[in-house]
Amino acid sequence: MMIRSEAAHPGEAGGGSGAPWNVDSLLLDARIAKEHKWATGLPLQDYLHSRRNLKLERIYFPLGYPVRIVSNSQAVLEAADQSWDCSKARFHGEPLEFQLEVRTSASSNKALPPAPEVILHGSLMLQIGDADNFFLADLKRGRAMGRVTPGAVACPGFLRYFILEAAVLCMISTKRAVAIHAACVRTNGRGVLLCADSGEGKSTLAYAGARTGWTYVSDDATYVPMDCKDRMAIGNCRKIRFRPSGVALFPELAGRPATPRAGGKPSIEVRTEEWPDIATSDVTRVDHIVFLNRRFADTEELVPLRTSSVLPWFEQHLISPPEVRPAQQATLARLLESGVFELRYRDLGWAIERINELARKGN
């Protein structure tokens, strides 16, 4: 648990996104702080420079939404370029903002920080590896600020996955779109969400299908805009991540480096532009939702599921401050108007053909 210090100025959560942050400190639950060797008070004013001292800024469009990245380090913008340099503007409005300071003192720690842990309290989300590597996002206002050491910056994969992308996507998935833990593809003109928990084969099936002619939209996270009345889904089609074990299925992954992911799980990241034969799109309409089941596939089959049985699975992944929960639930209700199925399979080829049949016939 965390609370804002009583020393913080009144009304710091109000106003527009251009209003200054007036949070003097965060108080962390003493038991959490002791377990993870954090100080019980995280003195943000001691750690963060004011906005005017962060001289570099650039607007990006992750998932089509405008986001302003502000920093004192060119390396931060270069890392953001790797994540979003090809992303195009699709939506308009007040940009979300992330202010990220890189500690530049001679005594700064050059070691790679530990994988961060997340603490969520109300509309505040704190992701913290240690007292010098963290970000704090105000999900209600769409603003985040953070600090990292040169050790984090020296590993662009760490900086992008745990800091930049994590901060930006948590704000998008609260204020702009509902995040779905699913890959997304299009085949025979129909958009299909491939839903499953981590490690269940979403990226594998999405890529295997793309090799046979599917249009690839996303591999692990798909976003459904809250202000669109159709079932539009948006993904980052410019990269795909695999577990290292994917080399056994796809020899073209051999020799590629692994990068850190949540919980320390490594992944192999590939930009899809390296594979020009793979068709990509960053958007599609969702026509079918398919849950993947490789564990209990004594009989390979596609079976319909009731909407009520899968709704809790979708809701468990929501970041939901009370004020945005109704909009998220309404978005899920629209999404689940498409057909929901479970695909029980062992063979990738069979699974690809069965999804093609689903897209052709609708059942």
Foldseek 3Di string as FASTA:
>chain_A
DKDFDPPFDPPQLDDAQPDFRRGQWMAADPVVCVVQVAPRILGVVVQDDGQVQQPDWDWFQVLQATEIETEVDPLLVVLVCVVTVPPHHDDDDDHQYEYEYEDDDPPFDQAAFDQWDWDDDFQWIWTDRYSQFIKIARLVRRYMYTHHYNNCSVASLSCVARPVVVRNVLSCCQPWWPKAQFWWKDAPQAIETEHDPPPQQQLVLLVVLLVVPIAGAARTIWTATLPDLFQKIFHDQQKGKAQPVCCVVPVVQPPADWGAHHPRRTIGMDGCVVPVSGHYDGMGGHQEYEYEAAPPQPDWDKAFDDPVVCVVVSVVPGPDNPVRVVSNVVSVVNNPVHTYIYTYDNDSVVVSVVVNVCSVPVD
